[in-house]
Structure formats: structure tokens, C-alpha cells
């Protein structure tokens, strides 16, 4: 069976983003062999996108905390 792995990668990333489903569970639901699919479907792409958004949120929180500390110091 020939698979379009690029399309499957995009579908997995979309499903993972919505539901945080693992690659193993996702492959099982679609009848794909996980051992074959893991060569093409990479979790790290989804993880790096998630990590980047978490980093942005952390930086925003730190900035917000610094501003609130400055406001209380000036009072």
C-alpha cells in the first residue's frame, strides 16, 4: 500500500494539535503500521511548535510580572 506521507504528516499534526493524540494511537485508529509510519510522521515537529508557543507565553508572563513589580515599587 502506497501512502502519501506528507499528507499524513499534516493530518497527524492537525489532529495532535487539537487532541494531543500520540502518533501510536493515531496510527492505530487509521490502520497504519506504527513502525513504518514513525519514519515519516515526526512528533518533534508538533512538539517544537507547541514548545515555541509555550515559550512565548512564558516570556509574556515574565514581562507582565516585571511590570507589576515596577508598579508596586513606585507606589
PDB file of N, CA and C in Angstrom:
ATOM      1  N   UNK A   1       0.843  -1.176   0.000  1.00  0.00           N
ATOM      2  CA  UNK A   1       0.000   0.000   0.000  1.00  0.00           C
ATOM      3  C   UNK A   1       0.888   1.239   0.000  1.00  0.00           C
ATOM      4  N   UNK A   2       0.684   2.100  -0.962  1.00  0.00           N
ATOM      5  CA  UNK A   2       1.452   3.335  -1.047  1.00  0.00           C
ATOM      6  C   UNK A   2       0.736   4.423  -0.258  1.00  0.00           C
ATOM      7  N   UNK A   3       1.499   5.125   0.551  1.00  0.00           N
ATOM      8  CA  UNK A   3       0.933   6.200   1.372  1.00  0.00           C
ATOM      9  C   UNK A   3       1.538   7.530   0.974  1.00  0.00           C
ATOM     10  N   UNK A   4       0.736   8.559   1.048  1.00  0.00           N
ATOM     11  CA  UNK A   4       1.224   9.919   0.854  1.00  0.00           C
ATOM     12  C   UNK A   4       1.626  10.433   2.231  1.00  0.00           C
ATOM     13  N   UNK A   5       2.892  10.238   2.592  1.00  0.00           N
ATOM     14  CA  UNK A   5       3.353  10.515   3.947  1.00  0.00           C
ATOM     15  C   UNK A   5       3.333  11.996   4.285  1.00  0.00           C
ATOM     16  N   UNK A   6       3.528  12.848   3.297  1.00  0.00           N
ATOM     17  CA  UNK A   6       3.465  14.288   3.575  1.00  0.00           C
ATOM     18  C   UNK A   6       2.054  14.685   4.001  1.00  0.00           C
ATOM     19  N   UNK A   7       1.064  14.148   3.304  1.00  0.00           N
ATOM     20  CA  UNK A   7      -0.328  14.445   3.655  1.00  0.00           C
ATOM     21  C   UNK A   7      -0.666  13.848   5.018  1.00  0.00           C
ATOM     22  N   UNK A   8      -0.205  12.633   5.273  1.00  0.00           N
ATOM     23  CA  UNK A   8      -0.455  12.004   6.568  1.00  0.00           C
ATOM     24  C   UNK A   8       0.219  12.775   7.698  1.00  0.00           C
ATOM     25  N   UNK A   9       1.412  13.299   7.439  1.00  0.00           N
ATOM     26  CA  UNK A   9       2.122  14.106   8.438  1.00  0.00           C
ATOM     27  C   UNK A   9       1.290  15.337   8.796  1.00  0.00           C
ATOM     28  N   UNK A  10       0.751  16.004   7.790  1.00  0.00           N
ATOM     29  CA  UNK A  10      -0.074  17.196   8.029  1.00  0.00           C
ATOM     30  C   UNK A  10      -1.344  16.854   8.799  1.00  0.00           C
ATOM     31  N   UNK A  11      -1.974  15.723   8.443  1.00  0.00           N
ATOM     32  CA  UNK A  11      -3.171  15.298   9.167  1.00  0.00           C
ATOM     33  C   UNK A  11      -2.842  14.984  10.617  1.00  0.00           C
ATOM     34  N   UNK A  12      -1.723  14.294  10.835  1.00  0.00           N
ATOM     35  CA  UNK A  12      -1.337  13.963  12.204  1.00  0.00           C
ATOM     36  C   UNK A  12      -1.073  15.222  13.022  1.00  0.00           C
ATOM     37  N   UNK A  13      -0.345  16.173  12.455  1.00  0.00           N
ATOM     38  CA  UNK A  13      -0.046  17.406  13.180  1.00  0.00           C
ATOM     39  C   UNK A  13      -1.324  18.158  13.552  1.00  0.00           C
ATOM     40  N   UNK A  14      -2.285  18.183  12.633  1.00  0.00           N
ATOM     41  CA  UNK A  14      -3.549  18.857  12.916  1.00  0.00           C
ATOM     42  C   UNK A  14      -4.297  18.135  14.035  1.00  0.00           C
ATOM     43  N   UNK A  15      -4.362  16.806  13.944  1.00  0.00           N
ATOM     44  CA  UNK A  15      -5.058  16.036  14.985  1.00  0.00           C
ATOM     45  C   UNK A  15      -4.330  16.131  16.319  1.00  0.00           C
ATOM     46  N   UNK A  16      -3.016  16.110  16.284  1.00  0.00           N
ATOM     47  CA  UNK A  16      -2.236  16.199  17.510  1.00  0.00           C
ATOM     48  C   UNK A  16      -2.420  17.558  18.166  1.00  0.00           C
ATOM     49  N   UNK A  17      -2.498  18.589  17.360  1.00  0.00           N
ATOM     50  CA  UNK A  17      -2.688  19.940  17.891  1.00  0.00           C
ATOM     51  C   UNK A  17      -4.050  20.074  18.574  1.00  0.00           C
ATOM     52  N   UNK A  18      -5.073  19.457  17.986  1.00  0.00           N
ATOM     53  CA  UNK A  18      -6.424  19.546  18.539  1.00  0.00           C
ATOM     54  C   UNK A  18      -6.599  18.674  19.776  1.00  0.00           C
ATOM     55  N   UNK A  19      -6.069  17.432  19.719  1.00  0.00           N
ATOM     56  CA  UNK A  19      -6.400  16.454  20.756  1.00  0.00           C
ATOM     57  C   UNK A  19      -5.203  15.934  21.544  1.00  0.00           C
ATOM     58  N   UNK A  20      -3.995  16.303  21.165  1.00  0.00           N
ATOM     59  CA  UNK A  20      -2.769  15.802  21.797  1.00  0.00           C
ATOM     60  C   UNK A  20      -2.654  14.283  21.697  1.00  0.00           C
ATOM     61  N   UNK A  21      -3.168  13.722  20.621  1.00  0.00           N
ATOM     62  CA  UNK A  21      -3.095  12.283  20.401  1.00  0.00           C
ATOM     63  C   UNK A  21      -1.660  11.884  20.089  1.00  0.00           C
ATOM     64  N   UNK A  22      -1.264  10.708  20.550  1.00  0.00           N
ATOM     65  CA  UNK A  22       0.084  10.222  20.261  1.00  0.00           C
ATOM     66  C   UNK A  22       0.122   9.649  18.853  1.00  0.00           C
ATOM     67  N   UNK A  23       1.313   9.560  18.303  1.00  0.00           N
ATOM     68  CA  UNK A  23       1.477   9.004  16.962  1.00  0.00           C
ATOM     69  C   UNK A  23       1.038   7.543  16.935  1.00  0.00           C
ATOM     70  N   UNK A  24       1.358   6.802  17.977  1.00  0.00           N
ATOM     71  CA  UNK A  24       0.974   5.380  18.036  1.00  0.00           C
ATOM     72  C   UNK A  24      -0.551   5.234  18.011  1.00  0.00           C
ATOM     73  N   UNK A  25      -1.261   6.012  18.824  1.00  0.00           N
ATOM     74  CA  UNK A  25      -2.728   5.949  18.857  1.00  0.00           C
ATOM     75  C   UNK A  25      -3.319   6.378  17.522  1.00  0.00           C
ATOM     76  N   UNK A  26      -2.763   7.423  16.947  1.00  0.00           N
ATOM     77  CA  UNK A  26      -3.253   7.951  15.680  1.00  0.00           C
ATOM     78  C   UNK A  26      -3.110   6.914  14.569  1.00  0.00           C
ATOM     79  N   UNK A  27      -1.972   6.258  14.515  1.00  0.00           N
ATOM     80  CA  UNK A  27      -1.747   5.219  13.503  1.00  0.00           C
ATOM     81  C   UNK A  27      -2.705   4.050  13.715  1.00  0.00           C
ATOM     82  N   UNK A  28      -2.907   3.656  14.949  1.00  0.00           N
ATOM     83  CA  UNK A  28      -3.809   2.545  15.252  1.00  0.00           C
ATOM     84  C   UNK A  28      -5.230   2.856  14.780  1.00  0.00           C
ATOM     85  N   UNK A  29      -5.685   4.091  15.000  1.00  0.00           N
ATOM     86  CA  UNK A  29      -7.033   4.488  14.582  1.00  0.00           C
ATOM     87  C   UNK A  29      -7.191   4.437  13.066  1.00  0.00           C
ATOM     88  N   UNK A  30      -6.119   4.689  12.336  1.00  0.00           N
ATOM     89  CA  UNK A  30      -6.193   4.736  10.877  1.00  0.00           C
ATOM     90  C   UNK A  30      -5.728   3.446  10.205  1.00  0.00           C
ATOM     91  N   UNK A  31      -5.365   2.471  10.994  1.00  0.00           N
ATOM     92  CA  UNK A  31      -4.931   1.193  10.422  1.00  0.00           C
ATOM     93  C   UNK A  31      -3.552   1.255   9.781  1.00  0.00           C
ATOM     94  N   UNK A  32      -2.738   2.199  10.226  1.00  0.00           N
ATOM     95  CA  UNK A  32      -1.375   2.319   9.713  1.00  0.00           C
ATOM     96  C   UNK A  32      -0.422   1.560  10.615  1.00  0.00           C
ATOM     97  N   UNK A  33       0.604   0.980  10.039  1.00  0.00           N
ATOM     98  CA  UNK A  33       1.636   0.317  10.823  1.00  0.00           C
ATOM     99  C   UNK A  33       2.482   1.410  11.471  1.00  0.00           C
ATOM    100  N   UNK A  34       2.485   1.448  12.791  1.00  0.00           N
ATOM    101  CA  UNK A  34       3.206   2.495  13.516  1.00  0.00           C
ATOM    102  C   UNK A  34       4.700   2.440  13.226  1.00  0.00           C
ATOM    103  N   UNK A  35       5.261   1.238  13.150  1.00  0.00           N
ATOM    104  CA  UNK A  35       6.704   1.110  12.910  1.00  0.00           C
ATOM    105  C   UNK A  35       7.097   1.710  11.566  1.00  0.00           C
ATOM    106  N   UNK A  36       6.248   1.579  10.572  1.00  0.00           N
ATOM    107  CA  UNK A  36       6.521   2.198   9.270  1.00  0.00           C
ATOM    108  C   UNK A  36       6.254   3.697   9.311  1.00  0.00           C
ATOM    109  N   UNK A  37       5.162   4.065   9.927  1.00  0.00           N
ATOM    110  CA  UNK A  37       4.755   5.469   9.938  1.00  0.00           C
ATOM    111  C   UNK A  37       5.728   6.338  10.711  1.00  0.00           C
ATOM    112  N   UNK A  38       6.362   5.806  11.742  1.00  0.00           N
ATOM    113  CA  UNK A  38       7.229   6.657  12.559  1.00  0.00           C
ATOM    114  C   UNK A  38       8.457   7.143  11.812  1.00  0.00           C
ATOM    115  N   UNK A  39       8.771   6.523  10.687  1.00  0.00           N
ATOM    116  CA  UNK A  39       9.862   7.037   9.850  1.00  0.00           C
ATOM    117  C   UNK A  39       9.484   8.355   9.198  1.00  0.00           C
ATOM    118  N   UNK A  40       8.201   8.522   8.956  1.00  0.00           N
ATOM    119  CA  UNK A  40       7.728   9.675   8.193  1.00  0.00           C
ATOM    120  C   UNK A  40       6.960  10.687   9.038  1.00  0.00           C
ATOM    121  N   UNK A  41       6.230  10.198  10.020  1.00  0.00           N
ATOM    122  CA  UNK A  41       5.417  11.077  10.861  1.00  0.00           C
ATOM    123  C   UNK A  41       6.222  11.405  12.106  1.00  0.00           C
ATOM    124  N   UNK A  42       6.662  12.612  12.194  1.00  0.00           N
ATOM    125  CA  UNK A  42       7.559  13.017  13.272  1.00  0.00           C
ATOM    126  C   UNK A  42       6.819  13.820  14.328  1.00  0.00           C
ATOM    127  N   UNK A  43       6.909  13.354  15.548  1.00  0.00           N
ATOM    128  CA  UNK A  43       6.307  14.052  16.676  1.00  0.00           C
ATOM    129  C   UNK A  43       7.048  15.341  16.974  1.00  0.00           C
ATOM    130  N   UNK A  44       8.330  15.358  16.755  1.00  0.00           N
ATOM    131  CA  UNK A  44       9.104  16.535  17.157  1.00  0.00           C
ATOM    132  C   UNK A  44       8.628  17.790  16.453  1.00  0.00           C
ATOM    133  N   UNK A  45       8.071  17.677  15.248  1.00  0.00           N
ATOM    134  CA  UNK A  45       7.521  18.859  14.593  1.00  0.00           C
ATOM    135  C   UNK A  45       6.381  19.434  15.412  1.00  0.00           C
ATOM    136  N   UNK A  46       5.505  18.586  15.867  1.00  0.00           N
ATOM    137  CA  UNK A  46       4.383  19.039  16.694  1.00  0.00           C
ATOM    138  C   UNK A  46       4.888  19.550  18.031  1.00  0.00           C
ATOM    139  N   UNK A  47       5.854  18.882  18.602  1.00  0.00           N
ATOM    140  CA  UNK A  47       6.387  19.294  19.891  1.00  0.00           C
ATOM    141  C   UNK A  47       7.104  20.625  19.792  1.00  0.00           C
ATOM    142  N   UNK A  48       7.862  20.841  18.730  1.00  0.00           N
ATOM    143  CA  UNK A  48       8.600  22.098  18.621  1.00  0.00           C
ATOM    144  C   UNK A  48       7.641  23.271  18.444  1.00  0.00           C
ATOM    145  N   UNK A  49       6.545  23.067  17.695  1.00  0.00           N
ATOM    146  CA  UNK A  49       5.564  24.130  17.548  1.00  0.00           C
ATOM    147  C   UNK A  49       4.918  24.436  18.887  1.00  0.00           C
ATOM    148  N   UNK A  50       4.598  23.402  19.641  1.00  0.00           N
ATOM    149  CA  UNK A  50       3.993  23.584  20.954  1.00  0.00           C
ATOM    150  C   UNK A  50       4.976  24.254  21.902  1.00  0.00           C
ATOM    151  N   UNK A  51       6.223  23.831  21.871  1.00  0.00           N
ATOM    152  CA  UNK A  51       7.237  24.404  22.752  1.00  0.00           C
ATOM    153  C   UNK A  51       7.441  25.882  22.448  1.00  0.00           C
ATOM    154  N   UNK A  52       7.404  26.242  21.163  1.00  0.00           N
ATOM    155  CA  UNK A  52       7.576  27.644  20.807  1.00  0.00           C
ATOM    156  C   UNK A  52       6.434  28.485  21.360  1.00  0.00           C
ATOM    157  N   UNK A  53       5.207  27.995  21.268  1.00  0.00           N
ATOM    158  CA  UNK A  53       4.088  28.781  21.773  1.00  0.00           C
ATOM    159  C   UNK A  53       4.143  28.883  23.293  1.00  0.00           C
ATOM    160  N   UNK A  54       4.606  27.823  23.981  1.00  0.00           N
ATOM    161  CA  UNK A  54       4.743  27.873  25.430  1.00  0.00           C
ATOM    162  C   UNK A  54       5.829  28.867  25.828  1.00  0.00           C
ATOM    163  N   UNK A  55       6.920  28.925  25.068  1.00  0.00           N
ATOM    164  CA  UNK A  55       7.994  29.864  25.357  1.00  0.00           C
ATOM    165  C   UNK A  55       7.491  31.293  25.232  1.00  0.00           C
ATOM    166  N   UNK A  56       6.706  31.561  24.218  1.00  0.00           N
ATOM    167  CA  UNK A  56       6.161  32.909  24.026  1.00  0.00           C
ATOM    168  C   UNK A  56       5.274  33.267  25.213  1.00  0.00           C
ATOM    169  N   UNK A  57       4.438  32.320  25.654  1.00  0.00           N
ATOM    170  CA  UNK A  57       3.567  32.594  26.795  1.00  0.00           C
ATOM    171  C   UNK A  57       4.379  32.852  28.054  1.00  0.00           C
ATOM    172  N   UNK A  58       5.461  32.092  28.260  1.00  0.00           N
ATOM    173  CA  UNK A  58       6.297  32.287  29.447  1.00  0.00           C
ATOM    174  C   UNK A  58       6.938  33.658  29.430  1.00  0.00           C
ATOM    175  N   UNK A  59       7.427  34.069  28.277  1.00  0.00           N
ATOM    176  CA  UNK A  59       8.064  35.382  28.154  1.00  0.00           C
ATOM    177  C   UNK A  59       7.041  36.473  28.431  1.00  0.00           C
ATOM    178  N   UNK A  60       5.812  36.297  27.910  1.00  0.00           N
ATOM    179  CA  UNK A  60       4.775  37.293  28.160  1.00  0.00           C
ATOM    180  C   UNK A  60       4.443  37.361  29.645  1.00  0.00           C
ATOM    181  N   UNK A  61       4.396  36.219  30.313  1.00  0.00           N
ATOM    182  CA  UNK A  61       4.117  36.200  31.751  1.00  0.00           C
ATOM    183  C   UNK A  61       5.223  36.885  32.537  1.00  0.00           C
ATOM    184  N   UNK A  62       6.461  36.644  32.166  1.00  0.00           N
ATOM    185  CA  UNK A  62       7.593  37.264  32.858  1.00  0.00           C
ATOM    186  C   UNK A  62       7.539  38.779  32.679  1.00  0.00           C
ATOM    187  N   UNK A  63       7.238  39.229  31.470  1.00  0.00           N
ATOM    188  CA  UNK A  63       7.136  40.668  31.228  1.00  0.00           C
ATOM    189  C   UNK A  63       6.029  41.267  32.072  1.00  0.00           C
ATOM    190  N   UNK A  64       4.903  40.584  32.155  1.00  0.00           N
ATOM    191  CA  UNK A  64       3.779  41.064  32.962  1.00  0.00           C
ATOM    192  C   UNK A  64       4.142  41.137  34.424  1.00  0.00           C
ATOM    193  N   UNK A  65       4.878  40.165  34.938  1.00  0.00           N
ATOM    194  CA  UNK A  65       5.301  40.172  36.330  1.00  0.00           C
ATOM    195  C   UNK A  65       6.263  41.312  36.600  1.00  0.00           C
ATOM    196  N   UNK A  66       7.182  41.556  35.687  1.00  0.00           N
ATOM    197  CA  UNK A  66       8.137  42.647  35.857  1.00  0.00           C
ATOM    198  C   UNK A  66       7.429  43.991  35.902  1.00  0.00           C
ATOM    199  N   UNK A  67       6.425  44.178  35.076  1.00  0.00           N
ATOM    200  CA  UNK A  67       5.684  45.444  35.066  1.00  0.00           C
ATOM    201  C   UNK A  67       4.914  45.638  36.365  1.00  0.00           C
ATOM    202  N   UNK A  68       4.331  44.548  36.893  1.00  0.00           N
ATOM    203  CA  UNK A  68       3.578  44.682  38.133  1.00  0.00           C
ATOM    204  C   UNK A  68       4.520  44.973  39.306  1.00  0.00           C
ATOM    205  N   UNK A  69       5.734  44.438  39.276  1.00  0.00           N
ATOM    206  CA  UNK A  69       6.717  44.718  40.334  1.00  0.00           C
ATOM    207  C   UNK A  69       7.130  46.174  40.256  1.00  0.00           C
ATOM    208  N   UNK A  70       7.311  46.701  39.061  1.00  0.00           N
ATOM    209  CA  UNK A  70       7.690  48.115  38.904  1.00  0.00           C
ATOM    210  C   UNK A  70       6.583  49.026  39.424  1.00  0.00           C
ATOM    211  N   UNK A  71       5.336  48.657  39.162  1.00  0.00           N
ATOM    212  CA  UNK A  71       4.210  49.479  39.612  1.00  0.00           C
ATOM    213  C   UNK A  71       4.138  49.520  41.132  1.00  0.00           C
ATOM    214  N   UNK A  72       4.359  48.397  41.805  1.00  0.00           N
ATOM    215  CA  UNK A  72       4.272  48.371  43.263  1.00  0.00           C
ATOM    216  C   UNK A  72       5.474  49.074  43.896  1.00  0.00           C
ATOM    217  N   UNK A  73       6.628  49.034  43.218  1.00  0.00           N
ATOM    218  CA  UNK A  73       7.804  49.723  43.750  1.00  0.00           C
ATOM    219  C   UNK A  73       7.639  51.241  43.680  1.00  0.00           C
ATOM    220  N   UNK A  74       6.957  51.726  42.666  1.00  0.00           N
ATOM    221  CA  UNK A  74       6.804  53.159  42.500  1.00  0.00           C
ATOM    222  C   UNK A  74       5.736  53.736  43.433  1.00  0.00           C
ATOM    223  N   UNK A  75       4.909  52.884  44.010  1.00  0.00           N
ATOM    224  CA  UNK A  75       3.863  53.374  44.932  1.00  0.00           C
ATOM    225  C   UNK A  75       4.477  53.625  46.239  1.00  0.00           C
TER     226      UNK A  75
END
